[in-house]
Structures are given as structure tokens and as C-alpha cells.
Amino acid sequence: MSKQFLTILWFGVATSTLSVETGYAKGCSNTLAHTDQYSSDKRISITDSAATRNEVMNIITTVVNASGTFDINAVANLYTPNAVVADEEPPFSWNGPTAGVQWVNTVEKTCKEYKLKGFKGQIGRVSVYLQTEESIYVVVPVDYTGEIKGDHFEEDGAFTFVFRIVNGHWLIKSQVWVARKGM
């Protein structure tokens, strides 16, 4: 492929992504895409609502709080059967419906290993929230604080969550932590 073709292709993808995000942010359209020109004018609509956003943010709040209280029961039923959680602590990823439980257990082990006390996450302002009928993508800034041997500990970064609707409930399909130092 030529450089010119790749440049045009990249520009087209970037422009369409920007226009979708801008349109969504301004509330310009409830239609994400047409299925095709030969269909019966079916549209894929965005079913965003305050109730859905509250449900999703309550799940996210539960996850962030559980990472500080090490409450595996709180996260036990929040993940899809094929969920993936990724974090900077070994083994770096956890899979399946117990991915959240495995991750919280690892967070607890890490806190004990480093003698980190008062570990707590504070959710920041969410500025990326994209939704279709079956999926939600959210970027959630979080500031974690605590104390190590009397010294203040702080790590800020963001979780990216992908939610899927499963049997009428929003569940976490993927959860990825990126520390600010990694950005």
C-alpha cells in the first residue's frame, strides 16, 4: 500500500471517530449508524439514559470501593463469563466470571506486601462515556491514596471499563487500570 493511501485511510478513520464523538457529546444524534443501504431503514440506536448511567456508575463505584475494602463478595457477580481484568500487579490479568474477585484478592495481597494502610480510591469526573444498545465504554479517572510506613501514598490513573448487557443486566466485560505514570 502506498503512503498516500494509508494517510487518507488514517485521516478518514480519525475524522469519522471525531465526528461521532463530537456529535454524541453535543447530543446531536441518537443514531449511531445505518445497517446498510438495502435494509428496511433499521437503525442502531443509542439507548443512553440516566438510569443506565446510574446503574453503571454504581457498579464502578462498587469495584473501586471493593479494591480498598477487599470485599470480594461485592464484586462476585459483576463480571461477564468471559471478562478480562488487567492491572499493573502480577499476574497482570485475570479472566472469567471471577476476574474481579481474583483482582481484588491480588490488590489485598499487594497492600499487605507493601504494608499499605488506608488504601482508598476516589473517582474523578468521567468525561468519556459511549453507549450502544449492548455495550458501554467508560473511562474513569481514579486517585488512590493510602499510607506506607507513615508516608503518604498516592497513585492516580484511570480505569477503562467495557460493559455488556447480559440477561438484562449490565456486567463488566473488561476492566483495565492504567496509572498516570504509564500514560
C-alpha atoms as a PDB file:
ATOM      1  CA  MET A   1       0.000   0.000   0.000  1.00  0.00           C
ATOM      2  CA  SER A   2       1.177   3.465  -0.732  1.00  0.00           C
ATOM      3  CA  LYS A   3       1.916   6.063   1.931  1.00  0.00           C
ATOM      4  CA  GLN A   4      -0.703   8.360   0.410  1.00  0.00           C
ATOM      5  CA  PHE A   5      -3.419   5.677   0.633  1.00  0.00           C
ATOM      6  CA  LEU A   6      -2.541   4.927   4.269  1.00  0.00           C
ATOM      7  CA  THR A   7      -2.597   8.645   5.092  1.00  0.00           C
ATOM      8  CA  ILE A   8      -6.042   9.030   3.514  1.00  0.00           C
ATOM      9  CA  LEU A   9      -7.304   5.897   5.271  1.00  0.00           C
ATOM     10  CA  TRP A  10      -5.990   7.101   8.648  1.00  0.00           C
ATOM     11  CA  PHE A  11      -7.460  10.574   8.093  1.00  0.00           C
ATOM     12  CA  GLY A  12     -10.849   9.062   7.224  1.00  0.00           C
ATOM     13  CA  VAL A  13     -10.926   6.917  10.358  1.00  0.00           C
ATOM     14  CA  ALA A  14      -9.785   9.817  12.560  1.00  0.00           C
ATOM     15  CA  THR A  15     -12.365  12.183  11.054  1.00  0.00           C
ATOM     16  CA  SER A  16     -15.243   9.731  11.427  1.00  0.00           C
ATOM     17  CA  THR A  17     -14.248   8.940  15.024  1.00  0.00           C
ATOM     18  CA  LEU A  18     -14.062  12.632  15.885  1.00  0.00           C
ATOM     19  CA  SER A  19     -17.420  13.390  14.281  1.00  0.00           C
ATOM     20  CA  VAL A  20     -19.160  10.530  16.110  1.00  0.00           C
ATOM     21  CA  GLU A  21     -17.665  11.601  19.464  1.00  0.00           C
ATOM     22  CA  THR A  22     -18.439  15.274  18.816  1.00  0.00           C
ATOM     23  CA  GLY A  23     -21.988  14.514  17.713  1.00  0.00           C
ATOM     24  CA  TYR A  24     -22.570  12.290  20.707  1.00  0.00           C
ATOM     25  CA  ALA A  25     -21.085  14.818  23.120  1.00  0.00           C
ATOM     26  CA  LYS A  26     -23.357  17.545  21.726  1.00  0.00           C
ATOM     27  CA  GLY A  27     -26.369  15.235  21.753  1.00  0.00           C
ATOM     28  CA  CYS A  28     -26.817  15.748  18.023  1.00  0.00           C
ATOM     29  CA  SER A  29     -27.949  12.289  17.107  1.00  0.00           C
ATOM     30  CA  ASN A  30     -29.481   9.222  18.638  1.00  0.00           C
ATOM     31  CA  THR A  31     -28.431   7.127  15.648  1.00  0.00           C
ATOM     32  CA  LEU A  32     -25.026   5.524  15.693  1.00  0.00           C
ATOM     33  CA  ALA A  33     -25.144   4.010  12.186  1.00  0.00           C
ATOM     34  CA  HIS A  34     -27.387   2.749   9.410  1.00  0.00           C
ATOM     35  CA  THR A  35     -27.214  -1.006   8.902  1.00  0.00           C
ATOM     36  CA  ASP A  36     -26.851  -0.741   5.086  1.00  0.00           C
ATOM     37  CA  GLN A  37     -28.453   0.935   2.082  1.00  0.00           C
ATOM     38  CA  TYR A  38     -30.548  -2.116   1.181  1.00  0.00           C
ATOM     39  CA  SER A  39     -32.069  -2.690   4.598  1.00  0.00           C
ATOM     40  CA  SER A  40     -35.504  -1.589   5.711  1.00  0.00           C
ATOM     41  CA  ASP A  41     -34.106   1.633   7.232  1.00  0.00           C
ATOM     42  CA  LYS A  42     -33.283  -0.089  10.506  1.00  0.00           C
ATOM     43  CA  ARG A  43     -31.015   1.987  12.711  1.00  0.00           C
ATOM     44  CA  ILE A  44     -28.718   1.061  15.547  1.00  0.00           C
ATOM     45  CA  SER A  45     -29.790   3.459  18.273  1.00  0.00           C
ATOM     46  CA  ILE A  46     -28.012   4.587  21.379  1.00  0.00           C
ATOM     47  CA  THR A  47     -30.144   3.748  24.390  1.00  0.00           C
ATOM     48  CA  ASP A  48     -28.455   6.078  26.817  1.00  0.00           C
ATOM     49  CA  SER A  49     -30.459   7.030  29.880  1.00  0.00           C
ATOM     50  CA  ALA A  50     -29.869   8.495  33.322  1.00  0.00           C
ATOM     51  CA  ALA A  51     -30.972   5.190  34.853  1.00  0.00           C
ATOM     52  CA  THR A  52     -28.410   3.209  32.823  1.00  0.00           C
ATOM     53  CA  ARG A  53     -25.626   5.677  33.637  1.00  0.00           C
ATOM     54  CA  ASN A  54     -26.504   5.462  37.337  1.00  0.00           C
ATOM     55  CA  GLU A  55     -26.510   1.652  37.207  1.00  0.00           C
ATOM     56  CA  VAL A  56     -23.111   1.572  35.501  1.00  0.00           C
ATOM     57  CA  MET A  57     -21.586   4.190  37.811  1.00  0.00           C
ATOM     58  CA  ASN A  58     -22.902   2.279  40.848  1.00  0.00           C
ATOM     59  CA  ILE A  59     -21.104  -0.838  39.578  1.00  0.00           C
ATOM     60  CA  ILE A  60     -17.899   1.146  39.001  1.00  0.00           C
ATOM     61  CA  THR A  61     -18.153   2.699  42.481  1.00  0.00           C
ATOM     62  CA  THR A  62     -18.612  -0.777  43.961  1.00  0.00           C
ATOM     63  CA  VAL A  63     -15.472  -2.020  42.165  1.00  0.00           C
ATOM     64  CA  VAL A  64     -13.345   0.956  43.252  1.00  0.00           C
ATOM     65  CA  ASN A  65     -14.593   0.702  46.852  1.00  0.00           C
ATOM     66  CA  ALA A  66     -14.020  -3.080  46.918  1.00  0.00           C
ATOM     67  CA  SER A  67     -10.413  -2.523  45.864  1.00  0.00           C
ATOM     68  CA  GLY A  68      -9.885  -0.615  49.133  1.00  0.00           C
ATOM     69  CA  THR A  69     -12.006  -2.781  51.439  1.00  0.00           C
ATOM     70  CA  PHE A  70     -11.005  -6.069  49.754  1.00  0.00           C
ATOM     71  CA  ASP A  71     -14.677  -7.072  49.638  1.00  0.00           C
ATOM     72  CA  ILE A  72     -14.731  -9.947  47.136  1.00  0.00           C
ATOM     73  CA  ASN A  73     -18.444 -10.537  47.747  1.00  0.00           C
ATOM     74  CA  ALA A  74     -19.224  -7.047  46.455  1.00  0.00           C
ATOM     75  CA  VAL A  75     -17.705  -7.834  43.038  1.00  0.00           C
ATOM     76  CA  ALA A  76     -18.573 -11.534  42.815  1.00  0.00           C
ATOM     77  CA  ASN A  77     -21.466 -11.121  40.359  1.00  0.00           C
ATOM     78  CA  LEU A  78     -20.402  -8.044  38.383  1.00  0.00           C
ATOM     79  CA  TYR A  79     -18.400  -9.665  35.554  1.00  0.00           C
ATOM     80  CA  THR A  80     -19.345 -11.472  32.333  1.00  0.00           C
ATOM     81  CA  PRO A  81     -18.417 -15.149  31.871  1.00  0.00           C
ATOM     82  CA  ASN A  82     -15.588 -14.097  29.525  1.00  0.00           C
ATOM     83  CA  ALA A  83     -14.455 -10.988  31.427  1.00  0.00           C
ATOM     84  CA  VAL A  84     -10.863  -9.747  31.463  1.00  0.00           C
ATOM     85  CA  VAL A  85      -9.299  -7.543  34.141  1.00  0.00           C
ATOM     86  CA  ALA A  86      -5.816  -6.063  33.628  1.00  0.00           C
ATOM     87  CA  ASP A  87      -3.677  -4.223  36.162  1.00  0.00           C
ATOM     88  CA  GLU A  88      -0.015  -3.456  36.851  1.00  0.00           C
ATOM     89  CA  GLU A  89       0.275  -6.119  39.564  1.00  0.00           C
ATOM     90  CA  PRO A  90       1.349  -9.654  38.637  1.00  0.00           C
ATOM     91  CA  PRO A  91      -0.004 -11.783  37.075  1.00  0.00           C
ATOM     92  CA  PHE A  92      -1.314  -8.657  35.245  1.00  0.00           C
ATOM     93  CA  SER A  93      -4.571 -10.180  34.003  1.00  0.00           C
ATOM     94  CA  TRP A  94      -7.454 -12.222  35.338  1.00  0.00           C
ATOM     95  CA  ASN A  95     -10.132 -13.931  33.266  1.00  0.00           C
ATOM     96  CA  GLY A  96     -13.652 -15.273  33.545  1.00  0.00           C
ATOM     97  CA  PRO A  97     -16.615 -14.561  35.786  1.00  0.00           C
ATOM     98  CA  THR A  98     -14.334 -14.449  38.855  1.00  0.00           C
ATOM     99  CA  ALA A  99     -11.865 -11.979  37.303  1.00  0.00           C
ATOM    100  CA  GLY A 100     -12.981  -9.237  39.692  1.00  0.00           C
ATOM    101  CA  VAL A 101     -12.651 -11.476  42.743  1.00  0.00           C
ATOM    102  CA  GLN A 102      -9.172 -12.580  41.636  1.00  0.00           C
ATOM    103  CA  TRP A 103      -8.153  -8.955  41.067  1.00  0.00           C
ATOM    104  CA  VAL A 104      -9.425  -7.772  44.487  1.00  0.00           C
ATOM    105  CA  ASN A 105      -7.533 -10.651  46.127  1.00  0.00           C
ATOM    106  CA  THR A 106      -4.358  -9.536  44.319  1.00  0.00           C
ATOM    107  CA  VAL A 107      -4.887  -5.909  45.404  1.00  0.00           C
ATOM    108  CA  GLU A 108      -5.250  -7.079  49.012  1.00  0.00           C
ATOM    109  CA  LYS A 109      -2.086  -9.225  48.762  1.00  0.00           C
ATOM    110  CA  THR A 110      -0.147  -6.289  47.280  1.00  0.00           C
ATOM    111  CA  CYS A 111      -1.328  -3.900  50.010  1.00  0.00           C
ATOM    112  CA  LYS A 112      -0.247  -6.380  52.701  1.00  0.00           C
ATOM    113  CA  GLU A 113       3.095  -6.959  50.975  1.00  0.00           C
ATOM    114  CA  TYR A 114       3.873  -3.219  50.872  1.00  0.00           C
ATOM    115  CA  LYS A 115       2.231  -2.592  54.280  1.00  0.00           C
ATOM    116  CA  LEU A 116      -0.097  -0.109  52.612  1.00  0.00           C
ATOM    117  CA  LYS A 117      -2.772   1.058  55.039  1.00  0.00           C
ATOM    118  CA  GLY A 118      -5.929   3.086  54.436  1.00  0.00           C
ATOM    119  CA  PHE A 119      -5.932   2.240  50.725  1.00  0.00           C
ATOM    120  CA  LYS A 120      -8.851   4.056  49.147  1.00  0.00           C
ATOM    121  CA  GLY A 121      -9.901   5.107  45.660  1.00  0.00           C
ATOM    122  CA  GLN A 122     -11.628   8.372  44.796  1.00  0.00           C
ATOM    123  CA  ILE A 123     -13.446   8.504  41.452  1.00  0.00           C
ATOM    124  CA  GLY A 124     -12.896  11.651  39.401  1.00  0.00           C
ATOM    125  CA  ARG A 125     -15.060  13.303  36.748  1.00  0.00           C
ATOM    126  CA  VAL A 126     -15.979  10.901  33.951  1.00  0.00           C
ATOM    127  CA  SER A 127     -15.550  12.577  30.586  1.00  0.00           C
ATOM    128  CA  VAL A 128     -15.736   9.548  28.263  1.00  0.00           C
ATOM    129  CA  TYR A 129     -18.972   7.541  28.244  1.00  0.00           C
ATOM    130  CA  LEU A 130     -20.035   5.877  24.994  1.00  0.00           C
ATOM    131  CA  GLN A 131     -23.009   3.550  24.671  1.00  0.00           C
ATOM    132  CA  THR A 132     -24.824   1.349  22.188  1.00  0.00           C
ATOM    133  CA  GLU A 133     -27.768  -0.944  22.856  1.00  0.00           C
ATOM    134  CA  GLU A 134     -25.472  -3.775  24.001  1.00  0.00           C
ATOM    135  CA  SER A 135     -22.208  -2.149  25.112  1.00  0.00           C
ATOM    136  CA  ILE A 136     -20.875   0.732  27.170  1.00  0.00           C
ATOM    137  CA  TYR A 137     -17.314   2.117  27.172  1.00  0.00           C
ATOM    138  CA  VAL A 138     -16.316   4.330  30.115  1.00  0.00           C
ATOM    139  CA  VAL A 139     -13.018   5.934  31.121  1.00  0.00           C
ATOM    140  CA  VAL A 140     -12.964   6.577  34.870  1.00  0.00           C
ATOM    141  CA  PRO A 141     -10.207   8.661  36.493  1.00  0.00           C
ATOM    142  CA  VAL A 142      -9.349   7.370  39.974  1.00  0.00           C
ATOM    143  CA  ASP A 143      -6.992   8.710  42.619  1.00  0.00           C
ATOM    144  CA  TYR A 144      -5.796   6.018  45.028  1.00  0.00           C
ATOM    145  CA  THR A 145      -4.347   7.107  48.372  1.00  0.00           C
ATOM    146  CA  GLY A 146      -3.049   5.437  51.498  1.00  0.00           C
ATOM    147  CA  GLU A 147      -0.093   5.309  53.837  1.00  0.00           C
ATOM    148  CA  ILE A 148       3.115   3.264  53.716  1.00  0.00           C
ATOM    149  CA  LYS A 149       5.158   3.315  56.952  1.00  0.00           C
ATOM    150  CA  GLY A 150       3.748   6.716  57.887  1.00  0.00           C
ATOM    151  CA  ASP A 151       4.368   8.233  54.440  1.00  0.00           C
ATOM    152  CA  HIS A 152       1.573   9.393  52.160  1.00  0.00           C
ATOM    153  CA  PHE A 153       0.968   7.143  49.146  1.00  0.00           C
ATOM    154  CA  GLU A 154      -0.831   8.358  46.040  1.00  0.00           C
ATOM    155  CA  GLU A 155      -1.339   6.882  42.602  1.00  0.00           C
ATOM    156  CA  ASP A 156      -3.667   8.377  40.080  1.00  0.00           C
ATOM    157  CA  GLY A 157      -4.700   6.935  36.788  1.00  0.00           C
ATOM    158  CA  ALA A 158      -7.783   5.656  35.028  1.00  0.00           C
ATOM    159  CA  PHE A 159      -9.833   2.553  34.582  1.00  0.00           C
ATOM    160  CA  THR A 160     -11.346   1.780  31.231  1.00  0.00           C
ATOM    161  CA  PHE A 161     -14.449  -0.351  31.508  1.00  0.00           C
ATOM    162  CA  VAL A 162     -16.425  -2.100  28.809  1.00  0.00           C
ATOM    163  CA  PHE A 163     -19.872  -3.266  29.884  1.00  0.00           C
ATOM    164  CA  ARG A 164     -22.130  -5.742  28.091  1.00  0.00           C
ATOM    165  CA  ILE A 165     -25.799  -6.371  28.659  1.00  0.00           C
ATOM    166  CA  VAL A 166     -26.242  -9.981  29.865  1.00  0.00           C
ATOM    167  CA  ASN A 167     -29.720 -11.263  30.700  1.00  0.00           C
ATOM    168  CA  GLY A 168     -30.965  -7.710  31.147  1.00  0.00           C
ATOM    169  CA  HIS A 169     -28.115  -6.605  33.427  1.00  0.00           C
ATOM    170  CA  TRP A 170     -25.007  -4.548  32.702  1.00  0.00           C
ATOM    171  CA  LEU A 171     -21.879  -6.577  33.538  1.00  0.00           C
ATOM    172  CA  ILE A 172     -18.181  -5.767  33.204  1.00  0.00           C
ATOM    173  CA  LYS A 173     -16.645  -7.315  30.082  1.00  0.00           C
ATOM    174  CA  SER A 174     -13.254  -5.681  30.572  1.00  0.00           C
ATOM    175  CA  GLN A 175     -11.594  -3.533  33.197  1.00  0.00           C
ATOM    176  CA  VAL A 176      -8.133  -2.090  32.619  1.00  0.00           C
ATOM    177  CA  TRP A 177      -6.120   0.084  35.005  1.00  0.00           C
ATOM    178  CA  VAL A 178      -3.518   2.500  33.644  1.00  0.00           C
ATOM    179  CA  ALA A 179      -1.502   4.523  36.141  1.00  0.00           C
ATOM    180  CA  ARG A 180      -0.780   8.125  35.152  1.00  0.00           C
ATOM    181  CA  LYS A 181       2.930   7.266  35.122  1.00  0.00           C
ATOM    182  CA  GLY A 182       2.121   4.828  32.317  1.00  0.00           C
ATOM    183  CA  MET A 183       0.363   7.431  30.168  1.00  0.00           C
END
